[in-house]
Protein backbone atom coordinates (compact mmCIF):
# COMPACT_ATOMS: atom_id res chain seq x y z
CA UNK A 1 -43.41 -15.45 33.67
CA UNK A 2 -42.26 -15.23 37.24
CA UNK A 3 -44.11 -13.29 39.96
CA UNK A 4 -42.96 -9.76 40.36
CA UNK A 5 -43.65 -7.83 43.61
CA UNK A 6 -44.99 -4.47 42.56
CA UNK A 7 -46.94 -1.78 44.53
CA UNK A 8 -49.60 0.13 42.70
CA UNK A 9 -50.54 2.30 45.76
CA UNK A 10 -54.04 2.65 47.12
CA UNK A 11 -56.72 1.26 44.76
CA UNK A 12 -59.01 4.13 45.68
CA UNK A 13 -56.56 6.95 45.24
CA UNK A 14 -57.16 7.29 41.50
CA UNK A 15 -53.48 7.96 40.94
CA UNK A 16 -52.88 4.68 39.02
CA UNK A 17 -49.25 3.70 38.43
CA UNK A 18 -46.18 4.31 36.07
CA UNK A 19 -46.77 1.76 33.27
CA UNK A 20 -43.35 2.08 31.63
CA UNK A 21 -41.45 1.60 34.94
CA UNK A 22 -43.70 -1.36 35.77
CA UNK A 23 -43.00 -3.05 32.41
CA UNK A 24 -39.29 -2.54 32.88
CA UNK A 25 -39.46 -4.14 36.32
CA UNK A 26 -41.46 -7.12 35.10
CA UNK A 27 -39.02 -7.73 32.24
CA UNK A 28 -35.87 -7.26 34.25
CA UNK A 29 -35.58 -10.87 35.33
CA UNK A 30 -36.04 -12.15 31.82
CA UNK A 31 -33.62 -9.53 30.45
CA UNK A 32 -31.05 -10.98 32.83
CA UNK A 33 -31.03 -14.18 30.79
CA UNK A 34 -28.90 -12.31 28.18
CA UNK A 35 -26.26 -11.36 30.76
CA UNK A 36 -24.14 -14.56 30.57
CA UNK A 37 -24.52 -14.53 26.82
CA UNK A 38 -23.20 -11.01 26.62
CA UNK A 39 -20.35 -11.86 29.01
CA UNK A 40 -19.34 -14.89 26.93
CA UNK A 41 -19.56 -12.79 23.74
CA UNK A 42 -17.36 -10.12 25.18
CA UNK A 43 -14.80 -12.75 26.24
CA UNK A 44 -14.74 -14.31 22.82
CA UNK A 45 -14.27 -10.93 21.22
CA UNK A 46 -11.36 -10.23 23.53
CA UNK A 47 -9.86 -13.51 22.50
CA UNK A 48 -10.29 -12.50 18.85
CA UNK A 49 -8.21 -9.38 19.46
CA UNK A 50 -5.36 -11.46 20.86
CA UNK A 51 -5.61 -14.03 18.11
CA UNK A 52 -5.43 -11.29 15.53
CA UNK A 53 -2.33 -9.76 17.11
CA UNK A 54 -0.74 -13.21 17.41
CA UNK A 55 -1.56 -13.97 13.76
CA UNK A 56 0.10 -10.70 12.71
CA UNK A 57 3.27 -11.43 14.77
CA UNK A 58 3.49 -15.00 13.48
CA UNK A 59 3.15 -13.70 9.91
CA UNK A 60 6.09 -11.28 10.60
CA UNK A 61 8.07 -14.22 12.00
CA UNK A 62 7.35 -16.29 8.96
CA UNK A 63 8.48 -13.46 6.65
CA UNK A 64 11.71 -12.99 8.67
CA UNK A 65 12.46 -16.67 8.55
CA UNK A 66 11.80 -16.73 4.80
CA UNK A 67 14.54 -14.21 4.26
CA UNK A 68 16.94 -16.86 5.71
CA UNK A 69 15.51 -19.99 4.09
CA UNK A 70 14.89 -18.58 0.57
CA UNK A 71 17.65 -19.66 -1.79
CA UNK A 72 17.48 -16.27 -3.46
CA UNK A 73 17.36 -14.40 -0.18
CA UNK A 74 20.15 -12.85 1.88
CA UNK A 75 22.36 -15.91 1.58
CA UNK A 76 22.62 -15.36 -2.16
CA UNK A 77 23.69 -11.72 -1.71
CA UNK A 78 27.32 -10.85 -2.40
CA UNK A 79 29.57 -7.79 -1.87
CA UNK A 80 32.91 -6.92 -3.31
CA UNK A 81 35.89 -4.58 -3.13
CA UNK A 82 38.53 -3.20 -5.47
CA UNK A 83 42.19 -2.89 -4.56
CA UNK A 84 42.42 0.36 -6.62
CA UNK A 85 39.26 2.39 -6.65
CA UNK A 86 40.88 5.01 -8.88
CA UNK A 87 41.30 2.38 -11.60
CA UNK A 88 38.25 0.18 -11.09
CA UNK A 89 35.07 0.75 -9.10
CA UNK A 90 32.84 -2.18 -8.16
CA UNK A 91 29.27 -1.33 -8.99
CA UNK A 92 27.47 -4.48 -7.78
CA UNK A 93 27.84 -8.10 -6.90
CA UNK A 94 24.51 -9.83 -7.49
CA UNK A 95 22.95 -13.13 -6.61
CA UNK A 96 24.77 -14.90 -9.46
CA UNK A 97 28.15 -14.00 -8.15
CA UNK A 98 30.43 -16.46 -6.46
CA UNK A 99 32.86 -15.72 -3.66
CA UNK A 100 36.46 -15.42 -4.83
CA UNK A 101 39.32 -13.24 -5.90
CA UNK A 102 39.89 -11.91 -9.50
CA UNK A 103 42.69 -10.04 -11.18
CA UNK A 104 41.68 -7.38 -13.75
CA UNK A 105 44.10 -5.41 -16.03
CA UNK A 106 42.78 -2.74 -18.41
CA UNK A 107 44.87 -1.68 -21.37
CA UNK A 108 42.28 0.49 -23.13
CA UNK A 109 39.03 2.33 -22.09
CA UNK A 110 35.94 2.27 -24.16
CA UNK A 111 34.99 5.42 -26.00
CA UNK A 112 31.78 6.61 -27.61
CA UNK A 113 32.15 8.09 -31.11
CA UNK A 114 31.46 11.80 -31.47
CA UNK A 115 31.78 14.59 -34.02
CA UNK A 116 31.75 18.37 -33.60
CA UNK A 117 31.32 21.17 -36.12
CA UNK A 118 33.56 24.17 -36.50
CA UNK A 119 32.26 27.21 -34.60
CA UNK A 120 30.02 29.88 -35.95
CA UNK A 121 29.83 33.29 -34.38
CA UNK A 122 26.07 33.33 -33.67
CA UNK A 123 23.93 30.34 -32.87
CA UNK A 124 21.05 32.02 -34.68
CA UNK A 125 22.92 32.38 -38.04
CA UNK A 126 21.19 31.06 -41.03
CA UNK A 127 22.71 27.85 -42.49
CA UNK A 128 22.54 26.27 -45.92
CA UNK A 129 23.59 22.97 -47.48
CA UNK A 130 23.35 19.47 -45.99
CA UNK A 131 24.74 17.04 -43.47
CA UNK A 132 24.86 13.23 -43.89
CA UNK A 133 24.96 11.06 -40.70
CA UNK A 134 25.10 7.28 -40.80
CA UNK A 135 23.85 7.43 -44.52
CA UNK A 136 20.94 9.71 -43.78
CA UNK A 137 21.12 13.15 -45.41
CA UNK A 138 19.61 16.24 -43.73
CA UNK A 139 19.06 19.00 -46.35
CA UNK A 140 18.85 22.38 -44.67
CA UNK A 141 15.68 24.36 -45.50
CA UNK A 142 13.66 27.13 -43.85
CA UNK A 143 12.47 24.78 -41.10
CA UNK A 144 15.93 23.67 -39.88
CA UNK A 145 18.39 26.37 -40.99
CA UNK A 146 19.90 27.15 -37.53
CA UNK A 147 22.00 25.07 -35.27
CA UNK A 148 19.08 24.56 -32.83
CA UNK A 149 16.47 23.59 -35.45
CA UNK A 150 18.99 21.38 -37.33
CA UNK A 151 19.81 19.65 -34.02
CA UNK A 152 16.08 19.06 -33.38
CA UNK A 153 15.59 17.61 -36.87
CA UNK A 154 18.51 15.16 -36.39
CA UNK A 155 17.15 14.03 -32.98
CA UNK A 156 13.67 13.54 -34.43
CA UNK A 157 14.95 11.32 -37.19
CA UNK A 158 16.20 8.69 -34.73
CA UNK A 159 19.34 7.74 -36.62
CA UNK A 160 21.22 6.53 -33.56
CA UNK A 161 22.84 9.84 -32.65
CA UNK A 162 22.16 12.63 -30.22
CA UNK A 163 22.65 16.17 -31.51
CA UNK A 164 23.10 19.26 -29.38
CA UNK A 165 24.34 22.83 -29.58
CA UNK A 166 27.44 23.73 -27.61
CA UNK A 167 28.23 27.41 -26.98
CA UNK A 168 31.36 28.86 -25.37
CA UNK A 169 33.64 31.86 -25.84
CA UNK A 170 34.65 30.68 -29.30
CA UNK A 171 31.13 30.56 -30.62
CA UNK A 172 28.50 27.87 -31.17
CA UNK A 173 28.96 24.34 -32.57
CA UNK A 174 26.87 21.32 -33.48
CA UNK A 175 27.80 18.22 -31.40
CA UNK A 176 26.93 14.70 -32.59
CA UNK A 177 27.33 11.79 -30.11
CA UNK A 178 26.66 8.17 -31.07
CA UNK A 179 23.86 6.46 -29.22
CA UNK A 180 25.95 3.23 -29.11
CA UNK A 181 29.14 3.09 -27.13
CA UNK A 182 32.28 1.26 -28.30
CA UNK A 183 33.53 0.39 -31.80
CA UNK A 184 30.05 -0.68 -32.94
CA UNK A 185 28.81 2.90 -32.48
CA UNK A 186 31.42 4.56 -34.72
CA UNK A 187 29.78 7.45 -36.64
CA UNK A 188 30.15 8.37 -40.21
CA UNK A 189 29.58 12.07 -40.82
CA UNK A 190 30.04 14.20 -43.97
CA UNK A 191 28.81 17.73 -44.62
CA UNK A 192 28.46 20.41 -47.19
CA UNK A 193 27.34 23.09 -44.88
CA UNK A 194 27.80 26.87 -44.94
CA UNK A 195 26.96 29.87 -42.68
CA UNK A 196 24.79 32.04 -44.96
CA UNK A 197 24.79 34.85 -42.42
CA UNK A 198 28.59 35.10 -42.63
CA UNK A 199 29.25 35.15 -46.33
CA UNK A 200 28.59 31.40 -46.86
CA UNK A 201 31.68 30.50 -44.85
CA UNK A 202 32.11 26.68 -44.68
CA UNK A 203 31.08 24.78 -41.58
CA UNK A 204 33.10 21.58 -41.24
CA UNK A 205 33.00 18.53 -38.98
CA UNK A 206 35.87 16.80 -37.20
CA UNK A 207 36.10 13.74 -34.95
CA UNK A 208 35.66 14.42 -31.26
CA UNK A 209 36.14 10.81 -29.99
CA UNK A 210 36.72 7.62 -32.01
CA UNK A 211 34.38 4.76 -31.00
CA UNK A 212 36.43 1.96 -29.42
CA UNK A 213 35.90 -1.00 -27.09
CA UNK A 214 37.55 -1.41 -23.73
CA UNK A 215 40.31 -3.99 -23.70
CA UNK A 216 41.06 -5.83 -20.51
CA UNK A 217 42.07 -9.21 -19.11
CA UNK A 218 40.17 -10.98 -16.32
CA UNK A 219 42.17 -13.72 -14.60
CA UNK A 220 44.46 -13.80 -17.69
CA UNK A 221 41.59 -14.05 -20.22
CA UNK A 222 41.42 -11.20 -22.81
CA UNK A 223 38.04 -9.51 -23.01
CA UNK A 224 36.61 -6.62 -24.88
CA UNK A 225 33.61 -4.49 -23.76
CA UNK A 226 31.73 -1.83 -25.66
CA UNK A 227 31.30 0.10 -22.37
CA UNK A 228 33.51 0.92 -19.42
CA UNK A 229 30.65 -0.51 -17.30
CA UNK A 230 31.56 -4.17 -17.64
CA UNK A 231 28.85 -6.79 -16.89
CA UNK A 232 30.02 -9.90 -18.79
CA UNK A 233 33.50 -10.46 -17.34
CA UNK A 234 32.60 -12.00 -13.91
CA UNK A 235 29.24 -13.70 -13.48
CA UNK A 236 26.92 -11.66 -11.31
CA UNK A 237 29.36 -8.83 -10.95
CA UNK A 238 29.32 -5.26 -12.58
CA UNK A 239 32.33 -3.02 -12.39
CA UNK A 240 33.39 0.31 -13.84
CA UNK A 241 36.67 0.85 -15.59
CA UNK A 242 38.15 4.27 -14.62
CA UNK A 243 41.69 4.20 -16.08
CA UNK A 244 43.76 2.04 -18.39
CA UNK A 245 47.33 1.95 -19.76
CA UNK A 246 48.63 0.08 -22.81
CA UNK A 247 52.23 0.59 -21.75
CA UNK A 248 52.19 0.04 -18.02
CA UNK A 249 48.93 -1.63 -17.02
CA UNK A 250 48.43 -2.14 -13.27
CA UNK A 251 46.54 -5.25 -12.17
CA UNK A 252 43.59 -4.59 -9.85
CA UNK A 253 42.42 -7.15 -7.33
CA UNK A 254 38.62 -7.61 -7.08
CA UNK A 255 37.40 -9.54 -4.08
CA UNK A 256 33.85 -11.10 -4.04
CA UNK A 257 32.58 -12.21 -0.67
CA UNK A 258 29.37 -13.39 0.92
CA UNK A 259 27.31 -10.47 2.36
CA UNK A 260 27.46 -11.55 5.95
CA UNK A 261 26.34 -8.09 7.14
CA UNK A 262 22.82 -8.50 5.59
CA UNK A 263 22.61 -12.05 6.90
CA UNK A 264 23.36 -10.72 10.40
CA UNK A 265 20.66 -8.12 9.99
CA UNK A 266 18.21 -10.77 8.76
CA UNK A 267 19.07 -13.07 11.67
CA UNK A 268 18.55 -10.21 14.10
CA UNK A 269 15.10 -9.51 12.55
CA UNK A 270 14.17 -13.20 12.94
CA UNK A 271 15.12 -13.14 16.64
CA UNK A 272 13.09 -9.91 17.23
CA UNK A 273 10.06 -11.44 15.47
CA UNK A 274 10.37 -14.71 17.35
CA UNK A 275 10.61 -12.87 20.71
CA UNK A 276 7.47 -10.80 19.87
CA UNK A 277 5.43 -13.97 19.48
CA UNK A 278 6.85 -15.53 22.69
CA UNK A 279 6.02 -12.31 24.53
CA UNK A 280 2.50 -12.45 23.24
CA UNK A 281 2.18 -16.04 24.61
CA UNK A 282 3.80 -15.19 27.94
CA UNK A 283 1.48 -12.26 28.48
CA UNK A 284 -1.59 -14.58 28.22
CA UNK A 285 -0.32 -16.77 31.05
CA UNK A 286 -1.20 -14.30 33.87
CA UNK A 287 -3.61 -11.60 34.86
CA UNK A 288 -4.11 -8.10 33.51
CA UNK A 289 -3.52 -4.90 35.45
CA UNK A 290 -6.95 -5.26 37.08
CA UNK A 291 -6.21 -8.75 38.34
CA UNK A 292 -8.44 -10.50 35.77
CA UNK A 293 -7.15 -13.52 33.79
CA UNK A 294 -5.95 -12.58 30.26
CA UNK A 295 -8.38 -13.50 27.45
CA UNK A 296 -6.49 -16.66 26.47
CA UNK A 297 -5.39 -17.71 29.96
CA UNK A 298 -5.34 -21.55 30.00
CA UNK A 299 -6.23 -21.79 26.28
CA UNK A 300 -5.16 -25.05 24.61
CA UNK A 301 -4.33 -22.99 21.52
CA UNK A 302 -1.75 -21.01 23.47
CA UNK A 303 -0.20 -24.25 24.87
CA UNK A 304 -0.05 -25.59 21.32
CA UNK A 305 1.68 -22.45 20.07
CA UNK A 306 4.18 -22.46 22.89
CA UNK A 307 5.13 -26.11 22.56
CA UNK A 308 5.24 -25.87 18.75
CA UNK A 309 7.55 -22.89 18.72
CA UNK A 310 9.88 -24.16 21.40
CA UNK A 311 10.11 -27.62 19.87
CA UNK A 312 10.90 -26.12 16.47
CA UNK A 313 14.18 -24.67 17.80
CA UNK A 314 15.62 -28.09 18.27
CA UNK A 315 14.42 -29.93 15.16
CA UNK A 316 15.83 -30.36 11.71
CA UNK A 317 18.72 -32.22 10.26
CA UNK A 318 22.35 -31.19 10.61
CA UNK A 319 24.31 -29.68 7.79
CA UNK A 320 27.93 -30.59 7.88
CA UNK A 321 29.49 -29.06 11.01
CA UNK A 322 26.32 -27.17 11.99
CA UNK A 323 24.05 -29.30 14.10
CA UNK A 324 22.12 -26.88 16.32
CA UNK A 325 21.11 -23.18 16.61
CA UNK A 326 23.71 -22.49 19.41
CA UNK A 327 26.35 -22.73 16.68
CA UNK A 328 24.62 -19.84 14.90
CA UNK A 329 24.87 -17.69 18.11
CA UNK A 330 21.27 -18.36 19.20
CA UNK A 331 20.50 -19.14 22.81
CA UNK A 332 17.17 -19.61 24.60
CA UNK A 333 16.43 -17.44 27.69
CA UNK A 334 14.47 -18.54 30.76
CA UNK A 335 11.36 -16.87 29.44
CA UNK A 336 11.58 -18.66 26.15
CA UNK A 337 12.85 -15.70 24.15
CA UNK A 338 16.08 -15.81 22.01
CA UNK A 339 19.32 -13.95 22.28
CA UNK A 340 21.73 -13.58 19.27
CA UNK A 341 25.45 -13.55 19.69
CA UNK A 342 26.62 -11.70 16.54
CA UNK A 343 30.27 -12.64 16.94
CA UNK A 344 29.39 -16.37 17.03
CA UNK A 345 27.24 -15.95 13.96
CA UNK A 346 29.94 -14.15 12.07
CA UNK A 347 32.47 -16.86 12.97
CA UNK A 348 30.14 -19.59 11.68
CA UNK A 349 29.46 -17.70 8.48
CA UNK A 350 33.18 -16.99 7.82
CA UNK A 351 34.31 -20.59 8.53
CA UNK A 352 31.34 -22.69 7.50
CA UNK A 353 29.17 -20.59 5.16
CA UNK A 354 27.84 -23.52 3.08
CA UNK A 355 27.00 -25.56 6.23
CA UNK A 356 25.12 -22.59 7.70
CA UNK A 357 23.21 -22.16 4.47
CA UNK A 358 22.33 -25.81 4.43
CA UNK A 359 21.19 -25.81 8.07
CA UNK A 360 18.63 -23.16 7.09
CA UNK A 361 17.78 -24.17 3.52
CA UNK A 362 18.23 -27.90 2.90
CA UNK A 363 15.21 -30.16 2.81
CA UNK A 364 14.49 -31.33 6.40
CA UNK A 365 16.77 -28.69 7.84
CA UNK A 366 16.12 -26.58 10.91
CA UNK A 367 15.01 -23.62 8.72
CA UNK A 368 12.63 -25.63 6.56
CA UNK A 369 11.21 -27.59 9.54
CA UNK A 370 10.50 -24.40 11.47
CA UNK A 371 8.85 -22.82 8.43
CA UNK A 372 6.51 -25.81 8.30
CA UNK A 373 5.72 -25.40 12.00
CA UNK A 374 4.86 -21.75 11.57
CA UNK A 375 2.49 -22.58 8.79
CA UNK A 376 0.78 -25.16 11.00
CA UNK A 377 0.46 -22.68 13.91
CA UNK A 378 -0.62 -19.52 12.07
CA UNK A 379 -3.75 -18.13 10.28
CA UNK A 380 -3.35 -20.33 7.20
CA UNK A 381 -6.51 -22.14 6.14
CA UNK A 382 -7.59 -24.80 6.54
CA UNK A 383 -5.45 -26.21 9.40
CA UNK A 384 -3.47 -23.35 11.01
CA UNK A 385 -4.02 -23.46 14.84
CA UNK A 386 -4.97 -19.81 15.11
CA UNK A 387 -7.18 -20.11 12.03
CA UNK A 388 -9.12 -22.99 13.55
CA UNK A 389 -9.46 -21.12 16.86
CA UNK A 390 -10.75 -18.06 15.09
CA UNK A 391 -13.24 -20.15 13.18
CA UNK A 392 -14.51 -21.82 16.31
CA UNK A 393 -14.91 -18.38 18.05
CA UNK A 394 -16.77 -17.00 14.97
CA UNK A 395 -19.21 -19.89 15.11
CA UNK A 396 -19.82 -19.42 18.86
CA UNK A 397 -20.24 -15.68 18.49
CA UNK A 398 -22.76 -16.22 15.70
CA UNK A 399 -24.78 -18.54 17.83
CA UNK A 400 -24.75 -16.11 20.78
CA UNK A 401 -25.74 -13.13 18.67
CA UNK A 402 -28.63 -15.15 17.31
CA UNK A 403 -29.77 -16.01 20.85
CA UNK A 404 -29.50 -12.44 21.92
CA UNK A 405 -31.38 -11.20 18.83
CA UNK A 406 -34.14 -13.77 19.32
CA UNK A 407 -34.44 -12.93 23.00
CA UNK A 408 -34.59 -9.23 22.28
CA UNK A 409 -37.31 -9.87 19.70
CA UNK A 410 -39.32 -11.87 22.38
CA UNK A 411 -38.84 -9.15 24.89
CA UNK A 412 -40.01 -6.47 22.53
CA UNK A 413 -43.19 -8.42 21.77
CA UNK A 414 -43.76 -9.01 25.44
CA UNK A 415 -43.23 -5.39 26.17
CA UNK A 416 -45.89 -4.36 23.71
CA UNK A 417 -48.35 -6.88 25.21
CA UNK A 418 -47.56 -5.89 28.82
CA UNK A 419 -47.80 -2.16 28.05
CA UNK A 420 -51.26 -2.71 26.50
CA UNK A 421 -52.54 -4.78 29.31
CA UNK A 422 -51.14 -2.52 32.11
CA UNK A 423 -52.41 0.59 30.38
CA UNK A 424 -55.88 -1.01 30.56
CA UNK A 425 -55.43 -1.88 34.18
CA UNK A 426 -54.11 1.63 34.96
CA UNK A 427 -57.16 3.11 33.40
CA UNK A 428 -59.39 0.89 35.55
CA UNK A 429 -57.52 1.92 38.66
CA UNK A 430 -57.74 5.59 37.81
CA UNK A 431 -61.52 5.23 37.24
CA UNK A 432 -62.32 3.53 40.59
CA UNK A 433 -62.89 6.83 42.60
CA UNK A 434 -65.45 8.09 40.07
CA UNK A 435 -67.15 4.74 40.10
CA UNK A 436 -67.34 4.78 43.90
CA UNK A 437 -68.86 8.21 43.75
CA UNK A 438 -71.51 6.94 41.33
CA UNK A 439 -72.33 4.00 43.69
CA UNK A 440 -72.64 6.43 46.64
CA UNK A 441 -74.98 8.65 44.73
CA UNK A 442 -77.21 5.64 43.76
CA UNK A 443 -77.11 4.44 47.39
CA UNK A 444 -78.11 7.91 48.65
CA UNK A 445 -80.87 8.19 46.15
CA UNK A 446 -82.23 4.84 47.02
CA UNK A 447 -81.97 4.94 50.85
CA UNK A 448 -82.07 8.63 51.55
CA UNK A 449 -78.88 8.20 53.48
CA UNK A 450 -76.25 10.77 52.69
CA UNK A 451 -72.93 8.97 52.70
CA UNK A 452 -71.10 12.19 52.11
CA UNK A 453 -72.45 13.79 55.40
CA UNK A 454 -72.22 10.59 57.39
CA UNK A 455 -75.98 10.82 58.07
């Protein structure tokens, strides 16, 4: 323990000294041992914050690139149009669709089979008899002797038909609609039903719609569909037939194209994500607002990130006519960020779609090479650059915290010992005046000399 210059005042004053303050002063020099440890720990934790932010931004960049490199991503998306939206509406063009033009002519729309009963005056009238639907007979009894309860009984039986009660100015009727569209859903209905509340007048059924398939031609090939929503005519494409004519059918042109709009959006997202990472790196190359170096100033990890990202922009094999990112409308600014020219990208997509796709998705391509680079730089275990830097920081922080904990424990023990020792010394100092008085009294008694009177 080093020598500490402390003043305890006059030894004969009896005032003693402040033990707690004295212990703090004695331990101050040893407490200072922790200062560089705490400083280093704070610096490492500041680095951790930056690494965490960088890791998040690199993850976002990886995700945005994946949208472009995934074979089932935006490059597989299609869009389409109809030359006559009153006759045919395009519902969707999925990933299985292929760009091209198709001619569709509809001569018959699909219909769903239905039956409807004759009207009765009051929906609450009591019925009697039976109704047979698709071979299942419903005999009217006290539990289903109104239109509403008979309708409920039919629906509960699950015979492939939906029953409901229709009411208008002419009265109420029982409606039966097949659960299967097209010719396959044609209903068979027979009834021996009477309105008991109106003199047992007969309640009959008649056809509302006859079940039939849609009939159309797609690129000259005859096709039938049980529904006007057609999904099996053009791979990956769903469209809705809205009108048809058997006497004067009008051909409709359906155009399927690559969804370049979504590709442009995905490329823009990639550029924004890339620029966010570069901005993170650039920020660490200077000082903060207080003039202090940024947490990762001069860090080899930052240099590795910067060189890896910049280098990845100019790697990867060509794909046909596409050999570099500038042909996709990407240019590198002086600060390392990217700028996207949407017109150049659109031109490349419209003229060389397959080559652009290959430049991003083929093995060894720019897109695939950059994806590998991002994996090597990010937080992926066990070899990601940021992951390794975080692991190193974690180990250093653990060691520093252990040193600080051990030092604090040592200081706590020392404080206890010092406090005990100094309390004893303080008691001795405080007792000196009374001890001197006792000596003086003994001296006076022995010598007859009165020290208190100076005699």
